[in-house]
Amino acid sequence: MTSSFSAQGTSNTATAFNPDRREFVKLAIGGALASAAFMPSATSASAAVHKSAPGIKLCAQTSPRPTDDELIFLKQIGAEYVSVQSPPDLRTADGFIQIKKRYADAGITVWNIGNTDVHNMPEVTLNLPGRDQKIDEYKQYIRNLGQAGIYYTTYAHMGNGIWSSGTAVIRGSAAREFDMASPNKVGVWMDKKFYEPLSHGRKFSQEEIWDNYTYFIKQVAPVAEENNVRIGIHPDDPPVPELAGVPRCIFSNFEGYKRAMEIANSPNIGVCLCCGCWNEGGPKLMHKDPAEMIRYFGAEKIWKIHFRNVSAPLPHFVETFMDNGYYDMSKIMEALVEVKFDGIVILDHTPLVIGGHYAEQAYGFAYMKALKDRAEAKS
């Protein structure tokens, strides 16, 4: 099954997981932060943070050059917001404005425009040759977003990609599988593959990963503040404590995120909460479930939700339909309503269905809307 409509997030091949199509590409009750550690510094306090319109925004993942039929489809399912990936020829401020205008003419708001060249950079995570060049590219990307009036982007800090061990069948649909015991585990990012035992020829320490994050975020946060762009950081996928010699010690548990936010010390650095990744780890590894994360960090730090469920926590999971996993997804919507979340919620990594991306989006959008409406009615 193929569809020109699929730009990211949902794989359209029944034989292999294709993570480069995902946008990586990807807790004080009532929305208040529980710790003074999250208060911005004197420098950051003067930074302007774009104010979002109130309310949960259900968002579709779409293409940068939508056809007329695609725009009609978005209207049919009630999608007022979209998140898109940018092709190389549109990765400029003018290119982003072009994408934005195409949707705006149809009454749809572009919330996020991704750039896979800088979305996840092993050079930055692992301090590999070319690190400073990639950081400069990222800064320019943030400036381009700001000039185009796009106020949010997602960043991932993974050194050796997204890992899977094959595919499984869920209700007749092909879905990504990961099994720690499988000899077929492989990490993938764009055109690169990573294998055990050491994906980069040596073992990295946790201190290195933290130092490399600090080096990056201290340069990037001021640029994000200057350009009024929020950066939500995506969890590691899967959140295994270490894969092929690379620790996943920051964005794979609650304590890691808390420390990372304290280091950034910026109102423009926050969380893209991929509930799928969080459910992959489960309470044993993550130390809080998705709803608890939402209540702790609140709407001030959580700006994007990837709505996904899995069959079970690690060491073995299969990505499944939202109504078919082990976690009750209604808890997420209820927590979002409780903290007055005003960011976007998107369907993420759904199993393949007959009808391709259109059918997957329609199913996911309807399910998310039903949970949202019920949560709002209960509040």
Protein backbone atom coordinates (compact mmCIF):
# COMPACT_ATOMS: atom_id res chain seq x y z
CA MET A 1 0.00 0.00 0.00
CA THR A 2 1.40 3.38 -0.96
CA SER A 3 0.12 6.91 -0.74
CA SER A 4 1.61 10.25 -1.74
CA PHE A 5 -0.17 11.65 1.30
CA SER A 6 2.21 9.94 3.72
CA ALA A 7 5.10 12.22 4.55
CA GLN A 8 6.09 11.05 7.99
CA GLY A 9 4.96 9.05 10.98
CA THR A 10 3.21 6.14 9.32
CA SER A 11 5.10 3.53 7.36
CA ASN A 12 3.49 2.44 4.10
CA THR A 13 5.35 -0.81 3.64
CA ALA A 14 4.12 -4.06 5.12
CA THR A 15 7.59 -5.63 5.07
CA ALA A 16 9.73 -3.28 7.13
CA PHE A 17 9.54 -0.47 9.63
CA ASN A 18 10.63 2.79 7.98
CA PRO A 19 11.44 5.28 10.75
CA ASP A 20 12.74 8.05 8.51
CA ARG A 21 9.11 8.79 7.65
CA ARG A 22 8.31 9.65 11.16
CA GLU A 23 8.75 13.09 12.51
CA PHE A 24 11.28 12.84 15.11
CA VAL A 25 11.74 13.55 11.43
CA LYS A 26 10.08 11.32 16.16
CA LEU A 27 4.70 16.86 35.97
CA ALA A 28 2.38 20.19 38.95
CA ILE A 29 -1.28 19.60 38.58
CA GLY A 30 -3.22 22.25 36.73
CA GLY A 31 -0.33 22.99 34.38
CA ALA A 32 1.96 24.62 36.94
CA LEU A 33 5.53 23.43 37.28
CA ALA A 34 6.25 21.71 40.53
CA SER A 35 9.85 22.81 40.95
CA ALA A 36 11.60 26.15 40.97
CA ALA A 37 14.30 24.40 38.95
CA PHE A 38 12.17 25.01 35.86
CA MET A 39 12.02 28.76 36.38
CA PRO A 40 13.84 30.60 33.57
CA SER A 41 17.09 32.38 34.26
CA ALA A 42 17.31 36.17 34.25
CA THR A 43 18.46 36.00 30.63
CA SER A 44 15.68 33.66 29.58
CA ALA A 45 13.00 35.59 31.44
CA SER A 46 13.05 38.29 28.77
CA ALA A 47 12.55 35.80 25.95
CA ALA A 48 9.24 35.88 24.15
CA VAL A 49 7.37 32.58 24.10
CA HIS A 50 4.66 32.31 21.49
CA LYS A 51 1.26 32.00 23.11
CA SER A 52 -0.92 29.26 21.70
CA ALA A 53 -4.67 29.50 21.39
CA PRO A 54 -6.41 27.60 24.22
CA GLY A 55 -7.45 23.99 23.80
CA ILE A 56 -6.13 20.63 22.67
CA LYS A 57 -5.36 20.66 18.96
CA LEU A 58 -5.78 17.39 17.09
CA CYS A 59 -3.21 17.37 14.32
CA ALA A 60 -2.65 15.31 11.17
CA GLN A 61 0.73 14.34 9.73
CA THR A 62 0.73 15.34 6.09
CA SER A 63 2.85 16.13 3.06
CA PRO A 64 4.58 19.46 2.31
CA ARG A 65 2.89 19.74 -1.08
CA PRO A 66 -0.67 18.53 -0.51
CA THR A 67 -2.97 17.85 -3.43
CA ASP A 68 -6.46 19.31 -3.56
CA ASP A 69 -7.85 15.90 -2.60
CA GLU A 70 -5.59 15.75 0.43
CA LEU A 71 -6.80 19.14 1.60
CA ILE A 72 -10.41 18.05 1.15
CA PHE A 73 -9.68 14.89 3.16
CA LEU A 74 -8.30 16.96 6.03
CA LYS A 75 -11.48 19.03 6.07
CA GLN A 76 -13.57 15.86 6.03
CA ILE A 77 -11.93 14.46 9.15
CA GLY A 78 -11.96 17.85 10.87
CA ALA A 79 -8.19 18.42 10.93
CA GLU A 80 -7.49 22.12 11.50
CA TYR A 81 -3.78 21.61 12.24
CA VAL A 82 -1.03 19.72 10.44
CA SER A 83 2.56 18.71 11.07
CA VAL A 84 4.65 18.25 7.93
CA GLN A 85 8.12 17.17 6.88
CA SER A 86 10.11 19.39 4.52
CA PRO A 87 11.91 18.18 1.39
CA PRO A 88 15.47 19.50 0.84
CA ASP A 89 14.38 22.13 -1.68
CA LEU A 90 11.99 23.76 0.81
CA ARG A 91 14.29 23.90 3.86
CA THR A 92 14.53 27.68 3.88
CA ALA A 93 12.40 30.42 5.42
CA ASP A 94 10.81 31.07 2.03
CA GLY A 95 10.20 27.34 1.56
CA PHE A 96 8.52 27.08 4.96
CA ILE A 97 6.35 30.09 4.15
CA GLN A 98 5.34 28.38 0.89
CA ILE A 99 4.27 25.25 2.79
CA LYS A 100 2.43 27.32 5.35
CA LYS A 101 0.55 29.36 2.74
CA ARG A 102 -0.66 26.31 0.81
CA TYR A 103 -2.40 25.04 3.92
CA ALA A 104 -3.51 28.47 5.13
CA ASP A 105 -5.35 29.03 1.85
CA ALA A 106 -7.40 25.95 2.76
CA GLY A 107 -8.05 27.18 6.30
CA ILE A 108 -5.53 24.84 7.92
CA THR A 109 -2.70 25.83 10.28
CA VAL A 110 0.80 24.35 9.92
CA TRP A 111 2.00 23.75 13.47
CA ASN A 112 5.36 22.15 12.81
CA ILE A 113 7.70 21.73 9.84
CA GLY A 114 10.37 19.09 10.31
CA ASN A 115 13.82 18.74 8.76
CA THR A 116 15.27 15.23 8.96
CA ASP A 117 18.80 16.53 8.29
CA VAL A 118 18.89 18.08 11.75
CA HIS A 119 16.07 16.35 13.59
CA ASN A 120 18.33 13.65 15.03
CA MET A 121 22.10 14.12 14.75
CA PRO A 122 24.47 11.38 15.93
CA GLU A 123 27.30 13.87 15.39
CA VAL A 124 25.79 15.95 18.20
CA THR A 125 24.69 13.13 20.51
CA LEU A 126 28.04 11.32 20.31
CA ASN A 127 30.44 14.21 19.57
CA LEU A 128 31.43 12.81 16.19
CA PRO A 129 33.29 14.72 13.44
CA GLY A 130 31.11 17.50 12.04
CA ARG A 131 29.34 18.26 15.33
CA ASP A 132 29.74 22.05 15.21
CA GLN A 133 28.65 22.15 11.58
CA LYS A 134 25.46 20.25 12.42
CA ILE A 135 24.76 22.58 15.35
CA ASP A 136 25.15 25.56 13.01
CA GLU A 137 22.73 23.90 10.57
CA TYR A 138 20.26 23.42 13.41
CA LYS A 139 20.51 27.05 14.48
CA GLN A 140 19.76 28.17 10.92
CA TYR A 141 16.80 25.79 10.82
CA ILE A 142 15.42 27.44 13.98
CA ARG A 143 15.93 30.88 12.45
CA ASN A 144 14.09 29.77 9.30
CA LEU A 145 11.16 28.54 11.38
CA GLY A 146 10.98 31.80 13.28
CA GLN A 147 11.05 33.86 10.09
CA ALA A 148 8.23 31.72 8.68
CA GLY A 149 6.10 32.08 11.80
CA ILE A 150 6.37 28.41 12.79
CA TYR A 151 6.70 28.35 16.56
CA TYR A 152 7.37 24.70 17.36
CA THR A 153 9.70 21.89 16.31
CA THR A 154 10.66 18.45 17.63
CA TYR A 155 14.24 17.32 18.29
CA ALA A 156 15.56 13.81 19.06
CA HIS A 157 18.87 13.07 20.82
CA MET A 158 19.54 9.46 19.80
CA GLY A 159 23.02 8.27 18.88
CA ASN A 160 22.14 5.17 16.88
CA GLY A 161 18.61 5.52 15.63
CA ILE A 162 15.28 3.81 16.22
CA TRP A 163 15.49 0.07 16.80
CA SER A 164 13.24 -2.76 15.73
CA SER A 165 13.55 -6.52 15.32
CA GLY A 166 11.01 -7.05 12.53
CA THR A 167 7.27 -6.91 12.07
CA ALA A 168 4.31 -8.63 13.68
CA VAL A 169 0.64 -8.99 12.75
CA ILE A 170 -1.93 -7.12 14.85
CA ARG A 171 -5.60 -7.61 13.90
CA GLY A 172 -4.48 -8.47 10.37
CA SER A 173 -2.17 -5.43 10.13
CA ALA A 174 1.61 -5.31 9.86
CA ALA A 175 3.23 -3.49 12.77
CA ARG A 176 6.71 -2.77 14.08
CA GLU A 177 8.08 -5.18 16.67
CA PHE A 178 11.01 -4.93 19.07
CA ASP A 179 12.33 -7.85 21.09
CA MET A 180 15.48 -7.49 23.17
CA ALA A 181 16.11 -11.23 22.80
CA SER A 182 16.03 -11.13 19.01
CA PRO A 183 19.31 -11.50 17.09
CA ASN A 184 17.76 -9.37 14.32
CA LYS A 185 17.71 -6.09 16.22
CA VAL A 186 18.80 -3.13 14.11
CA GLY A 187 18.80 0.62 14.60
CA VAL A 188 17.85 2.80 11.65
CA TRP A 189 18.10 6.50 11.01
CA MET A 190 17.59 7.79 7.49
CA ASP A 191 19.91 5.74 5.25
CA LYS A 192 22.08 4.42 8.09
CA LYS A 193 21.77 1.17 10.01
CA PHE A 194 23.30 0.36 13.38
CA TYR A 195 24.08 -3.07 14.81
CA GLU A 196 25.20 -4.67 18.04
CA PRO A 197 27.53 -5.12 19.79
CA LEU A 198 28.99 -1.60 19.24
CA SER A 199 27.27 0.61 16.68
CA HIS A 200 30.16 3.11 16.62
CA GLY A 201 33.11 0.89 17.44
CA ARG A 202 33.29 1.68 21.14
CA LYS A 203 31.26 2.06 24.31
CA PHE A 204 30.17 5.57 25.32
CA SER A 205 29.73 6.70 28.92
CA GLN A 206 26.65 8.36 30.36
CA GLU A 207 28.78 11.39 31.21
CA GLU A 208 29.65 11.81 27.53
CA ILE A 209 26.01 11.76 26.50
CA TRP A 210 25.12 14.35 29.15
CA ASP A 211 28.10 16.56 28.23
CA ASN A 212 27.19 16.41 24.55
CA TYR A 213 23.57 17.34 25.27
CA THR A 214 24.71 20.27 27.42
CA TYR A 215 27.11 21.48 24.73
CA PHE A 216 24.26 21.43 22.19
CA ILE A 217 21.41 22.86 24.22
CA LYS A 218 23.40 25.76 25.67
CA GLN A 219 24.08 26.96 22.11
CA VAL A 220 20.63 26.27 20.73
CA ALA A 221 18.38 27.57 23.52
CA PRO A 222 19.31 31.25 23.04
CA VAL A 223 18.61 30.97 19.31
CA ALA A 224 15.23 29.39 20.02
CA GLU A 225 14.42 32.22 22.43
CA GLU A 226 15.51 34.90 19.96
CA ASN A 227 13.31 33.40 17.26
CA ASN A 228 10.29 32.57 19.42
CA VAL A 229 10.50 28.84 18.62
CA ARG A 230 9.77 26.09 21.13
CA ILE A 231 11.80 22.88 20.91
CA GLY A 232 10.13 19.72 22.24
CA ILE A 233 12.56 16.85 22.82
CA HIS A 234 11.39 13.37 21.80
CA PRO A 235 12.08 10.27 23.94
CA ASP A 236 14.55 7.61 22.82
CA ASP A 237 12.90 4.84 20.82
CA PRO A 238 13.01 2.31 22.34
CA PRO A 239 14.04 3.60 25.80
CA VAL A 240 16.43 0.71 26.49
CA PRO A 241 19.07 1.94 28.99
CA GLU A 242 21.85 1.11 26.53
CA LEU A 243 21.88 -0.10 22.93
CA ALA A 244 25.00 -1.15 21.03
CA GLY A 245 27.31 0.73 23.36
CA VAL A 246 25.29 3.97 23.44
CA PRO A 247 23.58 4.90 26.73
CA ARG A 248 20.03 6.21 26.48
CA CYS A 249 20.29 7.93 29.81
CA ILE A 250 18.61 11.29 29.21
CA PHE A 251 15.39 11.02 27.27
CA SER A 252 14.39 7.57 28.44
CA ASN A 253 13.01 8.25 31.91
CA PHE A 254 11.43 10.93 34.08
CA GLU A 255 14.60 11.84 35.97
CA GLY A 256 16.53 12.29 32.72
CA TYR A 257 13.95 14.71 31.34
CA LYS A 258 13.83 16.66 34.60
CA ARG A 259 17.60 17.11 34.67
CA ALA A 260 17.67 17.99 30.96
CA MET A 261 15.09 20.75 31.47
CA GLU A 262 17.11 22.12 34.38
CA ILE A 263 20.28 22.20 32.28
CA ALA A 264 18.53 23.97 29.41
CA ASN A 265 16.97 26.46 31.85
CA SER A 266 14.94 27.98 29.04
CA PRO A 267 11.24 28.65 28.49
CA ASN A 268 11.75 27.49 24.89
CA ILE A 269 13.04 23.99 25.66
CA GLY A 270 10.44 21.40 26.58
CA VAL A 271 8.96 17.99 25.87
CA CYS A 272 7.52 16.14 22.91
CA LEU A 273 5.85 13.33 24.83
CA CYS A 274 5.74 10.29 22.58
CA CYS A 275 3.34 8.13 24.55
CA GLY A 276 4.35 5.16 22.44
CA CYS A 277 7.97 5.36 23.57
CA TRP A 278 6.85 6.00 27.13
CA ASN A 279 4.62 2.94 27.05
CA GLU A 280 7.47 0.92 25.53
CA GLY A 281 9.49 1.57 28.67
CA GLY A 282 6.62 1.23 31.08
CA PRO A 283 6.64 2.33 34.74
CA LYS A 284 9.64 0.11 35.57
CA LEU A 285 11.98 2.02 33.26
CA MET A 286 10.28 5.41 32.91
CA HIS A 287 9.24 5.86 36.58
CA LYS A 288 6.07 7.74 35.60
CA ASP A 289 3.35 6.82 33.15
CA PRO A 290 2.27 9.27 30.38
CA ALA A 291 -0.51 10.83 32.44
CA GLU A 292 1.84 11.38 35.38
CA MET A 293 4.39 13.02 33.08
CA ILE A 294 1.70 15.37 31.77
CA ARG A 295 0.59 16.32 35.26
CA TYR A 296 4.15 16.93 36.45
CA PHE A 297 5.49 19.02 33.56
CA GLY A 298 2.18 20.57 32.56
CA ALA A 299 1.33 22.64 29.52
CA GLU A 300 4.29 24.90 30.22
CA LYS A 301 6.75 22.19 29.20
CA ILE A 302 4.82 19.57 27.21
CA TRP A 303 3.92 20.92 23.76
CA LYS A 304 3.33 17.91 21.55
CA ILE A 305 1.82 14.47 22.14
CA HIS A 306 2.49 11.43 19.94
CA PHE A 307 -0.59 9.30 20.48
CA ARG A 308 0.50 5.65 20.27
CA ASN A 309 0.00 2.41 22.18
CA VAL A 310 2.00 -0.82 22.38
CA SER A 311 1.23 -4.39 23.34
CA ALA A 312 3.43 -4.53 26.45
CA PRO A 313 6.44 -2.83 28.04
CA LEU A 314 10.01 -3.89 27.27
CA PRO A 315 11.70 -6.25 26.77
CA HIS A 316 9.25 -7.12 23.97
CA PHE A 317 6.58 -4.94 22.39
CA VAL A 318 4.58 -4.54 19.22
CA GLU A 319 3.14 -1.22 18.08
CA THR A 320 -0.59 -1.68 18.07
CA PHE A 321 -3.86 0.15 17.61
CA MET A 322 -4.70 2.75 20.25
CA ASP A 323 -7.59 0.68 21.58
CA ASN A 324 -5.59 -2.55 21.60
CA GLY A 325 -2.54 -1.84 23.77
CA TYR A 326 -1.88 -2.32 27.45
CA TYR A 327 -2.23 1.37 28.38
CA ASP A 328 -5.59 3.13 28.75
CA MET A 329 -5.20 6.05 26.34
CA SER A 330 -8.17 7.89 27.83
CA LYS A 331 -5.95 8.70 30.81
CA ILE A 332 -3.75 10.79 28.52
CA MET A 333 -6.61 12.91 27.21
CA GLU A 334 -7.98 13.40 30.70
CA ALA A 335 -4.59 14.59 31.94
CA LEU A 336 -4.25 16.97 28.97
CA VAL A 337 -7.63 18.50 29.72
CA GLU A 338 -6.69 18.77 33.40
CA VAL A 339 -3.48 20.77 32.75
CA LYS A 340 -5.15 22.90 30.04
CA PHE A 341 -2.84 21.58 27.34
CA ASP A 342 -2.79 23.87 24.28
CA GLY A 343 -0.40 22.03 21.97
CA ILE A 344 -0.95 19.34 19.35
CA VAL A 345 -1.85 15.67 19.58
CA ILE A 346 -0.95 13.52 16.56
CA LEU A 347 -1.46 9.93 15.52
CA ASP A 348 1.86 8.07 15.58
CA HIS A 349 3.11 4.76 14.13
CA THR A 350 -0.21 3.09 13.56
CA PRO A 351 -0.32 -0.45 12.14
CA LEU A 352 -0.91 -0.59 8.41
CA VAL A 353 -4.51 -0.88 7.27
CA ILE A 354 -6.30 -1.42 3.98
CA GLY A 355 -6.72 1.99 2.40
CA GLY A 356 -3.27 3.21 3.41
CA HIS A 357 -2.53 6.54 5.02
CA TYR A 358 -6.00 7.98 4.47
CA ALA A 359 -7.67 5.13 6.35
CA GLU A 360 -5.06 5.17 9.11
CA GLN A 361 -5.47 8.91 9.64
CA ALA A 362 -9.27 8.72 9.58
CA TYR A 363 -9.34 5.92 12.17
CA GLY A 364 -6.79 7.62 14.40
CA PHE A 365 -8.35 11.05 14.17
CA ALA A 366 -11.82 9.75 15.01
CA TYR A 367 -10.52 7.77 17.98
CA MET A 368 -8.53 10.71 19.35
CA LYS A 369 -11.49 13.07 18.92
CA ALA A 370 -13.82 10.70 20.75
CA LEU A 371 -11.42 10.50 23.71
CA LYS A 372 -10.88 14.26 23.68
CA ASP A 373 -14.61 15.02 23.61
CA ARG A 374 -15.28 12.58 26.44
CA ALA A 375 -12.43 13.99 28.58
CA GLU A 376 -13.63 17.54 28.04
CA ALA A 377 -17.21 16.58 28.89
CA LYS A 378 -16.02 15.02 32.17
CA SER A 379 -13.99 18.04 33.23
